[in-house]
């Protein structure tokens, strides 16, 4: 049976028609790309149903091809075989897939995200940062084979990710900075995204996509699940590093300075040291992400937005001037250690 509409009643009918047992279905809010529901069965267990429509769920007027679901299924089936679960990192297990109707059901792997738990004193933020970055380094190291990368030639994801760079000039100008700086950064670094092809990238690795299971060994041995693989693409791992580093900076700066950024960078460099050009690209991605997303995030107030854009502008200015020595004493100093 087809899932005829992104409604709870349609989901109930779909589950019944496909003999998937349930006692309750409730929508899950907070996502921007897909329609999501939590399914409860008679044993008290929950699972997650994700359904893709050819648009963003948060803005139906914005197209988003449904093949994103195919890429997510591919990723969840392939990557656990290549990069084993270790160090408290795990993947959601697929329970049901329906490529025709763009439906994916997987186990419910957690109750709170890293963004939710960042300020929790029970959470060892340093250990979490290192575990995540070491896992990420292994993902980048073990997905370099052409047959793997060919499976994730995700043109939509590549185009969407370029949005950060394409919007840079207008964002800088909006806050009174020189648009030309954003244009130069986009031309030099943003342009590389279309041809990058060294490994697989998660592409949307941020604290909101890292779920903790608070019922299993919490908080002594926390288990983290990496979710939302729909924009997995062949690319260059530097974008994942810069992306998460920027998100860690936001949390460290505005939610308590618990050292997530430093732990993340240190763990990655221990597991997979970067070359000079890679470090430079991480830095460009870091500055671009902070500048672009500071102007979008609702949880950052106006004063913090201005502060963040000013900080990002400073990073990008040093990148543009190739003043790499300056970064040796910056928030990214761990990248530039000899």
C-alpha atoms as a PDB file:
ATOM      1  CA  UNK A   1       0.000   0.000   0.000  1.00  0.00           C
ATOM      2  CA  UNK A   2       1.156   3.512  -0.740  1.00  0.00           C
ATOM      3  CA  UNK A   3       1.672   6.176   1.885  1.00  0.00           C
ATOM      4  CA  UNK A   4      -0.815   8.585   0.364  1.00  0.00           C
ATOM      5  CA  UNK A   5      -0.104  11.721   2.414  1.00  0.00           C
ATOM      6  CA  UNK A   6       2.272  12.895   5.140  1.00  0.00           C
ATOM      7  CA  UNK A   7      -0.371  12.606   7.866  1.00  0.00           C
ATOM      8  CA  UNK A   8      -0.623  10.507  11.012  1.00  0.00           C
ATOM      9  CA  UNK A   9      -3.795   8.792   9.787  1.00  0.00           C
ATOM     10  CA  UNK A  10      -2.100   7.869   6.497  1.00  0.00           C
ATOM     11  CA  UNK A  11       0.842   6.454   8.447  1.00  0.00           C
ATOM     12  CA  UNK A  12      -1.527   4.333  10.559  1.00  0.00           C
ATOM     13  CA  UNK A  13      -3.135   2.942   7.409  1.00  0.00           C
ATOM     14  CA  UNK A  14       0.283   2.283   5.888  1.00  0.00           C
ATOM     15  CA  UNK A  15       1.448   0.348   8.952  1.00  0.00           C
ATOM     16  CA  UNK A  16      -1.730  -1.738   9.036  1.00  0.00           C
ATOM     17  CA  UNK A  17      -1.534  -2.540   5.321  1.00  0.00           C
ATOM     18  CA  UNK A  18       2.092  -3.631   5.670  1.00  0.00           C
ATOM     19  CA  UNK A  19       1.483  -5.744   8.791  1.00  0.00           C
ATOM     20  CA  UNK A  20       3.741  -3.606  10.949  1.00  0.00           C
ATOM     21  CA  UNK A  21       2.427  -3.902  14.529  1.00  0.00           C
ATOM     22  CA  UNK A  22       1.781  -0.754  16.549  1.00  0.00           C
ATOM     23  CA  UNK A  23      -0.414   0.568  19.328  1.00  0.00           C
ATOM     24  CA  UNK A  24       0.265   4.252  18.850  1.00  0.00           C
ATOM     25  CA  UNK A  25       1.758   6.672  16.336  1.00  0.00           C
ATOM     26  CA  UNK A  26       2.740  10.248  17.092  1.00  0.00           C
ATOM     27  CA  UNK A  27       4.434  12.904  14.947  1.00  0.00           C
ATOM     28  CA  UNK A  28       7.929  14.040  15.862  1.00  0.00           C
ATOM     29  CA  UNK A  29       8.642  17.730  15.418  1.00  0.00           C
ATOM     30  CA  UNK A  30      11.934  19.511  14.911  1.00  0.00           C
ATOM     31  CA  UNK A  31      13.062  18.075  11.584  1.00  0.00           C
ATOM     32  CA  UNK A  32      13.322  20.201   8.475  1.00  0.00           C
ATOM     33  CA  UNK A  33      13.664  17.733   5.593  1.00  0.00           C
ATOM     34  CA  UNK A  34      11.349  14.791   6.246  1.00  0.00           C
ATOM     35  CA  UNK A  35       8.098  13.904   7.965  1.00  0.00           C
ATOM     36  CA  UNK A  36       8.793  11.830  11.074  1.00  0.00           C
ATOM     37  CA  UNK A  37       6.676   9.739  13.448  1.00  0.00           C
ATOM     38  CA  UNK A  38       7.398   7.715  16.574  1.00  0.00           C
ATOM     39  CA  UNK A  39       5.802   4.257  16.585  1.00  0.00           C
ATOM     40  CA  UNK A  40       4.987   2.435  19.825  1.00  0.00           C
ATOM     41  CA  UNK A  41       4.418  -1.336  19.823  1.00  0.00           C
ATOM     42  CA  UNK A  42       2.663  -3.571  22.358  1.00  0.00           C
ATOM     43  CA  UNK A  43       5.957  -4.406  24.099  1.00  0.00           C
ATOM     44  CA  UNK A  44       6.552  -0.757  24.915  1.00  0.00           C
ATOM     45  CA  UNK A  45       9.297  -0.447  22.297  1.00  0.00           C
ATOM     46  CA  UNK A  46       9.534   2.554  20.006  1.00  0.00           C
ATOM     47  CA  UNK A  47      10.813   2.987  16.479  1.00  0.00           C
ATOM     48  CA  UNK A  48      11.045   5.929  14.116  1.00  0.00           C
ATOM     49  CA  UNK A  49       9.325   6.248  10.734  1.00  0.00           C
ATOM     50  CA  UNK A  50      10.775   8.736   8.301  1.00  0.00           C
ATOM     51  CA  UNK A  51       8.964   9.674   5.085  1.00  0.00           C
ATOM     52  CA  UNK A  52      10.358  11.793   2.266  1.00  0.00           C
ATOM     53  CA  UNK A  53       8.238  14.033   0.060  1.00  0.00           C
ATOM     54  CA  UNK A  54       9.729  15.932  -2.930  1.00  0.00           C
ATOM     55  CA  UNK A  55      10.129  19.040  -0.782  1.00  0.00           C
ATOM     56  CA  UNK A  56      11.344  20.171   2.629  1.00  0.00           C
ATOM     57  CA  UNK A  57       8.848  19.278   5.335  1.00  0.00           C
ATOM     58  CA  UNK A  58       9.474  22.632   7.021  1.00  0.00           C
ATOM     59  CA  UNK A  59       8.892  24.535   3.783  1.00  0.00           C
ATOM     60  CA  UNK A  60       6.881  22.615   1.163  1.00  0.00           C
ATOM     61  CA  UNK A  61       7.571  25.287  -1.445  1.00  0.00           C
ATOM     62  CA  UNK A  62      11.265  24.304  -1.436  1.00  0.00           C
ATOM     63  CA  UNK A  63      11.966  21.236  -3.634  1.00  0.00           C
ATOM     64  CA  UNK A  64      14.141  18.438  -2.257  1.00  0.00           C
ATOM     65  CA  UNK A  65      14.416  15.251  -4.378  1.00  0.00           C
ATOM     66  CA  UNK A  66      13.151  12.101  -2.686  1.00  0.00           C
ATOM     67  CA  UNK A  67      16.253  10.125  -3.669  1.00  0.00           C
ATOM     68  CA  UNK A  68      17.726  11.430  -0.414  1.00  0.00           C
ATOM     69  CA  UNK A  69      15.970   8.493   1.246  1.00  0.00           C
ATOM     70  CA  UNK A  70      17.789   6.069  -1.064  1.00  0.00           C
ATOM     71  CA  UNK A  71      21.133   7.564  -0.057  1.00  0.00           C
ATOM     72  CA  UNK A  72      20.269   7.294   3.632  1.00  0.00           C
ATOM     73  CA  UNK A  73      19.308   3.636   3.282  1.00  0.00           C
ATOM     74  CA  UNK A  74      22.511   2.950   1.356  1.00  0.00           C
ATOM     75  CA  UNK A  75      24.557   4.637   4.047  1.00  0.00           C
ATOM     76  CA  UNK A  76      22.913   2.798   6.938  1.00  0.00           C
ATOM     77  CA  UNK A  77      23.350  -0.543   5.187  1.00  0.00           C
ATOM     78  CA  UNK A  78      26.934  -0.030   4.006  1.00  0.00           C
ATOM     79  CA  UNK A  79      28.823   2.149   6.463  1.00  0.00           C
ATOM     80  CA  UNK A  80      28.397  -0.045   9.579  1.00  0.00           C
ATOM     81  CA  UNK A  81      30.154  -2.808   7.625  1.00  0.00           C
ATOM     82  CA  UNK A  82      33.087  -0.509   6.849  1.00  0.00           C
ATOM     83  CA  UNK A  83      33.396   1.531  10.039  1.00  0.00           C
ATOM     84  CA  UNK A  84      32.479  -0.706  12.949  1.00  0.00           C
ATOM     85  CA  UNK A  85      30.612   0.490  16.001  1.00  0.00           C
ATOM     86  CA  UNK A  86      33.220   1.351  18.628  1.00  0.00           C
ATOM     87  CA  UNK A  87      33.982   3.881  21.324  1.00  0.00           C
ATOM     88  CA  UNK A  88      30.324   4.276  22.210  1.00  0.00           C
ATOM     89  CA  UNK A  89      29.362   5.132  18.601  1.00  0.00           C
ATOM     90  CA  UNK A  90      26.530   3.231  16.955  1.00  0.00           C
ATOM     91  CA  UNK A  91      24.189   3.418  13.961  1.00  0.00           C
ATOM     92  CA  UNK A  92      20.394   3.146  13.736  1.00  0.00           C
ATOM     93  CA  UNK A  93      19.319  -0.347  12.649  1.00  0.00           C
ATOM     94  CA  UNK A  94      16.858  -0.446   9.746  1.00  0.00           C
ATOM     95  CA  UNK A  95      13.620  -2.293  10.547  1.00  0.00           C
ATOM     96  CA  UNK A  96      11.683  -1.586   7.346  1.00  0.00           C
ATOM     97  CA  UNK A  97      12.461   0.104   4.051  1.00  0.00           C
ATOM     98  CA  UNK A  98      10.162   0.994   1.180  1.00  0.00           C
ATOM     99  CA  UNK A  99      11.996   2.667  -1.678  1.00  0.00           C
ATOM    100  CA  UNK A 100       8.818   3.118  -3.726  1.00  0.00           C
ATOM    101  CA  UNK A 101       7.030   5.104  -1.030  1.00  0.00           C
ATOM    102  CA  UNK A 102      10.190   6.661   0.377  1.00  0.00           C
ATOM    103  CA  UNK A 103       9.614   5.232   3.830  1.00  0.00           C
ATOM    104  CA  UNK A 104      12.282   4.185   6.299  1.00  0.00           C
ATOM    105  CA  UNK A 105      11.639   2.722   9.745  1.00  0.00           C
ATOM    106  CA  UNK A 106      14.549   2.272  12.114  1.00  0.00           C
ATOM    107  CA  UNK A 107      15.044   1.616  15.790  1.00  0.00           C
ATOM    108  CA  UNK A 108      14.726   4.508  18.205  1.00  0.00           C
ATOM    109  CA  UNK A 109      18.343   5.036  19.241  1.00  0.00           C
ATOM    110  CA  UNK A 110      18.070   7.788  21.815  1.00  0.00           C
ATOM    111  CA  UNK A 111      16.093  10.354  23.708  1.00  0.00           C
ATOM    112  CA  UNK A 112      18.353  13.414  23.802  1.00  0.00           C
ATOM    113  CA  UNK A 113      20.828  14.990  21.389  1.00  0.00           C
ATOM    114  CA  UNK A 114      24.304  16.267  22.136  1.00  0.00           C
ATOM    115  CA  UNK A 115      22.894  19.770  21.722  1.00  0.00           C
ATOM    116  CA  UNK A 116      20.300  18.987  24.419  1.00  0.00           C
ATOM    117  CA  UNK A 117      22.815  17.430  26.814  1.00  0.00           C
ATOM    118  CA  UNK A 118      25.804  19.719  26.324  1.00  0.00           C
ATOM    119  CA  UNK A 119      25.234  21.502  29.656  1.00  0.00           C
ATOM    120  CA  UNK A 120      24.463  18.305  31.599  1.00  0.00           C
ATOM    121  CA  UNK A 121      27.192  17.930  34.262  1.00  0.00           C
ATOM    122  CA  UNK A 122      26.968  14.136  33.946  1.00  0.00           C
ATOM    123  CA  UNK A 123      28.186  14.289  30.349  1.00  0.00           C
ATOM    124  CA  UNK A 124      31.935  14.026  29.797  1.00  0.00           C
ATOM    125  CA  UNK A 125      32.062  16.485  26.910  1.00  0.00           C
ATOM    126  CA  UNK A 126      35.774  15.954  26.304  1.00  0.00           C
ATOM    127  CA  UNK A 127      35.376  12.189  25.977  1.00  0.00           C
ATOM    128  CA  UNK A 128      32.398  12.645  23.664  1.00  0.00           C
ATOM    129  CA  UNK A 129      34.321  15.057  21.431  1.00  0.00           C
ATOM    130  CA  UNK A 130      37.249  12.679  21.097  1.00  0.00           C
ATOM    131  CA  UNK A 131      35.068   9.637  20.450  1.00  0.00           C
ATOM    132  CA  UNK A 132      33.153  11.450  17.722  1.00  0.00           C
ATOM    133  CA  UNK A 133      36.222  12.766  15.960  1.00  0.00           C
ATOM    134  CA  UNK A 134      38.031   9.436  16.050  1.00  0.00           C
ATOM    135  CA  UNK A 135      34.993   7.772  14.543  1.00  0.00           C
ATOM    136  CA  UNK A 136      34.784  10.514  11.903  1.00  0.00           C
ATOM    137  CA  UNK A 137      38.459  10.083  11.062  1.00  0.00           C
ATOM    138  CA  UNK A 138      37.868   6.364  10.514  1.00  0.00           C
ATOM    139  CA  UNK A 139      34.903   7.135   8.257  1.00  0.00           C
ATOM    140  CA  UNK A 140      37.098   9.368   6.116  1.00  0.00           C
ATOM    141  CA  UNK A 141      39.976   6.877   6.117  1.00  0.00           C
ATOM    142  CA  UNK A 142      38.021   3.756   5.173  1.00  0.00           C
ATOM    143  CA  UNK A 143      35.688   5.111   2.472  1.00  0.00           C
ATOM    144  CA  UNK A 144      38.215   6.101  -0.177  1.00  0.00           C
ATOM    145  CA  UNK A 145      37.578   3.211  -2.588  1.00  0.00           C
ATOM    146  CA  UNK A 146      36.082   4.271  -5.917  1.00  0.00           C
ATOM    147  CA  UNK A 147      33.280   1.700  -5.728  1.00  0.00           C
ATOM    148  CA  UNK A 148      32.149   3.225  -2.429  1.00  0.00           C
ATOM    149  CA  UNK A 149      32.378   6.835  -3.566  1.00  0.00           C
ATOM    150  CA  UNK A 150      30.538   6.039  -6.801  1.00  0.00           C
ATOM    151  CA  UNK A 151      27.522   4.945  -4.749  1.00  0.00           C
ATOM    152  CA  UNK A 152      27.278   8.408  -3.193  1.00  0.00           C
ATOM    153  CA  UNK A 153      27.554  10.778  -6.125  1.00  0.00           C
ATOM    154  CA  UNK A 154      24.825  12.817  -4.456  1.00  0.00           C
ATOM    155  CA  UNK A 155      24.521  15.879  -6.687  1.00  0.00           C
ATOM    156  CA  UNK A 156      21.700  17.409  -4.640  1.00  0.00           C
ATOM    157  CA  UNK A 157      23.730  17.183  -1.431  1.00  0.00           C
ATOM    158  CA  UNK A 158      26.726  18.779  -3.110  1.00  0.00           C
ATOM    159  CA  UNK A 159      24.615  21.607  -4.454  1.00  0.00           C
ATOM    160  CA  UNK A 160      22.936  22.198  -1.101  1.00  0.00           C
ATOM    161  CA  UNK A 161      26.229  22.247   0.759  1.00  0.00           C
ATOM    162  CA  UNK A 162      27.541  24.936  -1.584  1.00  0.00           C
ATOM    163  CA  UNK A 163      24.739  27.132  -0.225  1.00  0.00           C
ATOM    164  CA  UNK A 164      26.934  27.985   2.774  1.00  0.00           C
ATOM    165  CA  UNK A 165      29.517  29.512   0.460  1.00  0.00           C
ATOM    166  CA  UNK A 166      27.096  31.005  -2.049  1.00  0.00           C
ATOM    167  CA  UNK A 167      25.375  32.936   0.745  1.00  0.00           C
ATOM    168  CA  UNK A 168      28.583  34.145   2.347  1.00  0.00           C
ATOM    169  CA  UNK A 169      28.927  37.444   0.480  1.00  0.00           C
ATOM    170  CA  UNK A 170      25.348  38.537   1.168  1.00  0.00           C
ATOM    171  CA  UNK A 171      25.592  37.529   4.837  1.00  0.00           C
ATOM    172  CA  UNK A 172      28.769  39.539   5.332  1.00  0.00           C
ATOM    173  CA  UNK A 173      27.268  42.545   3.560  1.00  0.00           C
ATOM    174  CA  UNK A 174      24.129  42.352   5.695  1.00  0.00           C
ATOM    175  CA  UNK A 175      26.249  42.818   8.812  1.00  0.00           C
ATOM    176  CA  UNK A 176      28.384  45.590   7.379  1.00  0.00           C
ATOM    177  CA  UNK A 177      31.387  43.615   6.178  1.00  0.00           C
ATOM    178  CA  UNK A 178      32.879  43.495   2.713  1.00  0.00           C
ATOM    179  CA  UNK A 179      30.947  41.196   0.386  1.00  0.00           C
ATOM    180  CA  UNK A 180      34.069  40.773  -1.749  1.00  0.00           C
ATOM    181  CA  UNK A 181      35.656  38.686   1.013  1.00  0.00           C
ATOM    182  CA  UNK A 182      32.807  36.194   0.798  1.00  0.00           C
ATOM    183  CA  UNK A 183      33.072  36.110  -2.978  1.00  0.00           C
ATOM    184  CA  UNK A 184      36.783  35.309  -2.806  1.00  0.00           C
ATOM    185  CA  UNK A 185      36.302  32.566  -0.206  1.00  0.00           C
ATOM    186  CA  UNK A 186      33.500  31.053  -2.287  1.00  0.00           C
ATOM    187  CA  UNK A 187      35.558  31.131  -5.465  1.00  0.00           C
ATOM    188  CA  UNK A 188      38.624  29.571  -3.860  1.00  0.00           C
ATOM    189  CA  UNK A 189      37.112  27.078  -1.419  1.00  0.00           C
ATOM    190  CA  UNK A 190      33.412  26.731  -2.212  1.00  0.00           C
ATOM    191  CA  UNK A 191      34.168  25.847  -5.815  1.00  0.00           C
ATOM    192  CA  UNK A 192      36.060  22.742  -4.685  1.00  0.00           C
ATOM    193  CA  UNK A 193      32.893  21.076  -3.406  1.00  0.00           C
ATOM    194  CA  UNK A 194      31.732  20.104  -6.892  1.00  0.00           C
ATOM    195  CA  UNK A 195      34.874  18.118  -7.676  1.00  0.00           C
ATOM    196  CA  UNK A 196      35.882  16.814  -4.218  1.00  0.00           C
ATOM    197  CA  UNK A 197      35.978  13.021  -4.322  1.00  0.00           C
ATOM    198  CA  UNK A 198      38.417  11.669  -1.760  1.00  0.00           C
ATOM    199  CA  UNK A 199      36.057   9.894   0.688  1.00  0.00           C
ATOM    200  CA  UNK A 200      32.515   9.819   2.031  1.00  0.00           C
ATOM    201  CA  UNK A 201      31.195  12.724   4.094  1.00  0.00           C
ATOM    202  CA  UNK A 202      28.264  12.590   6.477  1.00  0.00           C
ATOM    203  CA  UNK A 203      27.656  16.225   5.445  1.00  0.00           C
ATOM    204  CA  UNK A 204      25.270  17.120   8.289  1.00  0.00           C
ATOM    205  CA  UNK A 205      27.290  16.147  11.349  1.00  0.00           C
ATOM    206  CA  UNK A 206      26.190  18.534  14.062  1.00  0.00           C
ATOM    207  CA  UNK A 207      25.193  18.075  17.744  1.00  0.00           C
ATOM    208  CA  UNK A 208      21.511  17.787  16.819  1.00  0.00           C
ATOM    209  CA  UNK A 209      22.241  14.631  14.817  1.00  0.00           C
ATOM    210  CA  UNK A 210      23.999  12.796  17.649  1.00  0.00           C
ATOM    211  CA  UNK A 211      21.530  10.951  19.866  1.00  0.00           C
ATOM    212  CA  UNK A 212      22.232   9.569  23.336  1.00  0.00           C
ATOM    213  CA  UNK A 213      20.483   6.563  24.828  1.00  0.00           C
ATOM    214  CA  UNK A 214      19.767   7.620  28.412  1.00  0.00           C
ATOM    215  CA  UNK A 215      18.499   4.151  29.311  1.00  0.00           C
ATOM    216  CA  UNK A 216      21.673   2.216  28.452  1.00  0.00           C
ATOM    217  CA  UNK A 217      24.747   2.691  30.691  1.00  0.00           C
ATOM    218  CA  UNK A 218      24.034   6.387  31.155  1.00  0.00           C
ATOM    219  CA  UNK A 219      25.986   8.377  32.202  1.00  0.00           C
ATOM    220  CA  UNK A 220      28.933   6.070  32.953  1.00  0.00           C
ATOM    221  CA  UNK A 221      29.341   4.688  29.429  1.00  0.00           C
ATOM    222  CA  UNK A 222      27.167   6.814  27.129  1.00  0.00           C
ATOM    223  CA  UNK A 223      26.089   5.383  23.797  1.00  0.00           C
ATOM    224  CA  UNK A 224      25.848   7.800  20.864  1.00  0.00           C
ATOM    225  CA  UNK A 225      24.058   7.165  17.596  1.00  0.00           C
ATOM    226  CA  UNK A 226      24.839   9.086  14.420  1.00  0.00           C
ATOM    227  CA  UNK A 227      21.591   9.827  12.586  1.00  0.00           C
ATOM    228  CA  UNK A 228      20.354  11.610   9.434  1.00  0.00           C
ATOM    229  CA  UNK A 229      22.475  10.165   6.633  1.00  0.00           C
ATOM    230  CA  UNK A 230      20.316  11.464   3.792  1.00  0.00           C
ATOM    231  CA  UNK A 231      22.920  13.895   2.447  1.00  0.00           C
ATOM    232  CA  UNK A 232      25.859  11.501   2.615  1.00  0.00           C
ATOM    233  CA  UNK A 233      28.042  12.286  -0.397  1.00  0.00           C
ATOM    234  CA  UNK A 234      31.435  11.709  -1.897  1.00  0.00           C
ATOM    235  CA  UNK A 235      33.581  14.697  -1.027  1.00  0.00           C
ATOM    236  CA  UNK A 236      36.460  15.750   1.180  1.00  0.00           C
ATOM    237  CA  UNK A 237      36.475  15.072   4.900  1.00  0.00           C
ATOM    238  CA  UNK A 238      37.679  18.587   5.676  1.00  0.00           C
ATOM    239  CA  UNK A 239      34.108  19.823   5.254  1.00  0.00           C
ATOM    240  CA  UNK A 240      32.803  17.463   7.948  1.00  0.00           C
ATOM    241  CA  UNK A 241      35.592  18.559  10.291  1.00  0.00           C
ATOM    242  CA  UNK A 242      35.033  22.269   9.766  1.00  0.00           C
ATOM    243  CA  UNK A 243      31.265  21.819   9.976  1.00  0.00           C
ATOM    244  CA  UNK A 244      31.286  20.072  13.343  1.00  0.00           C
ATOM    245  CA  UNK A 245      34.088  22.259  14.694  1.00  0.00           C
ATOM    246  CA  UNK A 246      31.952  25.334  14.004  1.00  0.00           C
ATOM    247  CA  UNK A 247      28.954  23.770  15.738  1.00  0.00           C
ATOM    248  CA  UNK A 248      31.170  22.894  18.709  1.00  0.00           C
ATOM    249  CA  UNK A 249      32.339  26.513  18.812  1.00  0.00           C
ATOM    250  CA  UNK A 250      28.726  27.722  19.076  1.00  0.00           C
ATOM    251  CA  UNK A 251      28.065  25.455  22.062  1.00  0.00           C
ATOM    252  CA  UNK A 252      31.363  26.238  23.767  1.00  0.00           C
ATOM    253  CA  UNK A 253      30.884  29.969  23.287  1.00  0.00           C
ATOM    254  CA  UNK A 254      27.261  30.289  24.338  1.00  0.00           C
ATOM    255  CA  UNK A 255      26.488  27.294  26.550  1.00  0.00           C
ATOM    256  CA  UNK A 256      29.279  26.989  29.047  1.00  0.00           C
ATOM    257  CA  UNK A 257      32.700  26.572  27.435  1.00  0.00           C
ATOM    258  CA  UNK A 258      33.032  22.853  28.138  1.00  0.00           C
ATOM    259  CA  UNK A 259      35.788  22.198  25.610  1.00  0.00           C
ATOM    260  CA  UNK A 260      33.973  20.287  22.877  1.00  0.00           C
ATOM    261  CA  UNK A 261      35.880  22.015  20.066  1.00  0.00           C
ATOM    262  CA  UNK A 262      39.332  21.307  21.470  1.00  0.00           C
ATOM    263  CA  UNK A 263      38.547  17.678  22.276  1.00  0.00           C
ATOM    264  CA  UNK A 264      37.084  17.127  18.814  1.00  0.00           C
ATOM    265  CA  UNK A 265      40.105  18.572  16.997  1.00  0.00           C
ATOM    266  CA  UNK A 266      42.571  16.757  19.224  1.00  0.00           C
ATOM    267  CA  UNK A 267      40.887  13.403  18.708  1.00  0.00           C
ATOM    268  CA  UNK A 268      40.770  13.785  14.933  1.00  0.00           C
ATOM    269  CA  UNK A 269      44.408  14.828  14.657  1.00  0.00           C
ATOM    270  CA  UNK A 270      45.459  11.870  16.813  1.00  0.00           C
ATOM    271  CA  UNK A 271      43.534   9.430  14.631  1.00  0.00           C
ATOM    272  CA  UNK A 272      44.178  10.973  11.206  1.00  0.00           C
ATOM    273  CA  UNK A 273      46.703  13.848  11.025  1.00  0.00           C
ATOM    274  CA  UNK A 274      45.927  16.433   8.350  1.00  0.00           C
ATOM    275  CA  UNK A 275      48.188  17.944   5.725  1.00  0.00           C
ATOM    276  CA  UNK A 276      48.714  21.680   5.444  1.00  0.00           C
ATOM    277  CA  UNK A 277      46.166  22.261   2.670  1.00  0.00           C
ATOM    278  CA  UNK A 278      43.593  20.165   4.514  1.00  0.00           C
ATOM    279  CA  UNK A 279      44.059  22.295   7.639  1.00  0.00           C
ATOM    280  CA  UNK A 280      43.540  25.416   5.584  1.00  0.00           C
ATOM    281  CA  UNK A 281      40.312  24.071   4.116  1.00  0.00           C
ATOM    282  CA  UNK A 282      39.031  23.082   7.554  1.00  0.00           C
ATOM    283  CA  UNK A 283      39.662  26.657   8.645  1.00  0.00           C
ATOM    284  CA  UNK A 284      37.791  28.092   5.652  1.00  0.00           C
ATOM    285  CA  UNK A 285      34.847  25.762   6.302  1.00  0.00           C
ATOM    286  CA  UNK A 286      34.876  26.677  10.007  1.00  0.00           C
ATOM    287  CA  UNK A 287      34.700  30.410   9.331  1.00  0.00           C
ATOM    288  CA  UNK A 288      32.120  30.030   6.577  1.00  0.00           C
ATOM    289  CA  UNK A 289      29.830  27.851   8.684  1.00  0.00           C
ATOM    290  CA  UNK A 290      29.907  30.164  11.690  1.00  0.00           C
ATOM    291  CA  UNK A 291      29.264  33.256   9.584  1.00  0.00           C
ATOM    292  CA  UNK A 292      26.447  31.700   7.566  1.00  0.00           C
ATOM    293  CA  UNK A 293      24.594  29.778  10.271  1.00  0.00           C
ATOM    294  CA  UNK A 294      24.869  32.433  12.977  1.00  0.00           C
ATOM    295  CA  UNK A 295      22.430  34.481  10.908  1.00  0.00           C
ATOM    296  CA  UNK A 296      19.965  31.558  10.712  1.00  0.00           C
ATOM    297  CA  UNK A 297      19.870  29.780  14.070  1.00  0.00           C
ATOM    298  CA  UNK A 298      16.864  30.802  16.139  1.00  0.00           C
ATOM    299  CA  UNK A 299      18.525  29.813  19.427  1.00  0.00           C
ATOM    300  CA  UNK A 300      21.218  32.474  18.946  1.00  0.00           C
ATOM    301  CA  UNK A 301      19.892  35.916  19.891  1.00  0.00           C
ATOM    302  CA  UNK A 302      20.636  39.127  17.987  1.00  0.00           C
ATOM    303  CA  UNK A 303      23.642  40.108  20.087  1.00  0.00           C
ATOM    304  CA  UNK A 304      25.168  36.653  19.796  1.00  0.00           C
ATOM    305  CA  UNK A 305      24.486  36.625  16.067  1.00  0.00           C
ATOM    306  CA  UNK A 306      26.441  39.842  15.591  1.00  0.00           C
ATOM    307  CA  UNK A 307      29.264  38.534  17.766  1.00  0.00           C
ATOM    308  CA  UNK A 308      29.391  35.251  15.832  1.00  0.00           C
ATOM    309  CA  UNK A 309      29.378  36.908  12.416  1.00  0.00           C
ATOM    310  CA  UNK A 310      32.155  39.248  13.571  1.00  0.00           C
ATOM    311  CA  UNK A 311      34.159  36.249  14.764  1.00  0.00           C
ATOM    312  CA  UNK A 312      33.544  34.352  11.527  1.00  0.00           C
ATOM    313  CA  UNK A 313      34.525  37.406   9.515  1.00  0.00           C
ATOM    314  CA  UNK A 314      37.810  37.579  11.421  1.00  0.00           C
ATOM    315  CA  UNK A 315      38.529  33.922  10.687  1.00  0.00           C
ATOM    316  CA  UNK A 316      37.768  34.364   6.990  1.00  0.00           C
ATOM    317  CA  UNK A 317      39.902  37.484   6.744  1.00  0.00           C
ATOM    318  CA  UNK A 318      42.943  35.591   8.016  1.00  0.00           C
ATOM    319  CA  UNK A 319      42.131  32.721   5.640  1.00  0.00           C
ATOM    320  CA  UNK A 320      41.877  35.139   2.727  1.00  0.00           C
ATOM    321  CA  UNK A 321      45.202  36.748   3.659  1.00  0.00           C
ATOM    322  CA  UNK A 322      46.764  33.285   4.151  1.00  0.00           C
ATOM    323  CA  UNK A 323      47.885  34.359   7.599  1.00  0.00           C
ATOM    324  CA  UNK A 324      48.177  30.784   8.834  1.00  0.00           C
ATOM    325  CA  UNK A 325      50.557  31.614  11.676  1.00  0.00           C
ATOM    326  CA  UNK A 326      47.751  33.564  13.332  1.00  0.00           C
ATOM    327  CA  UNK A 327      45.782  30.341  13.744  1.00  0.00           C
ATOM    328  CA  UNK A 328      48.530  28.789  15.865  1.00  0.00           C
ATOM    329  CA  UNK A 329      47.166  30.811  18.807  1.00  0.00           C
ATOM    330  CA  UNK A 330      43.497  30.714  17.839  1.00  0.00           C
ATOM    331  CA  UNK A 331      40.603  28.429  18.768  1.00  0.00           C
ATOM    332  CA  UNK A 332      41.907  26.156  15.997  1.00  0.00           C
ATOM    333  CA  UNK A 333      45.448  25.997  17.382  1.00  0.00           C
ATOM    334  CA  UNK A 334      45.286  22.207  17.753  1.00  0.00           C
ATOM    335  CA  UNK A 335      45.038  21.947  13.966  1.00  0.00           C
ATOM    336  CA  UNK A 336      48.236  23.882  13.418  1.00  0.00           C
ATOM    337  CA  UNK A 337      50.533  22.169  15.866  1.00  0.00           C
ATOM    338  CA  UNK A 338      53.650  20.758  14.223  1.00  0.00           C
END
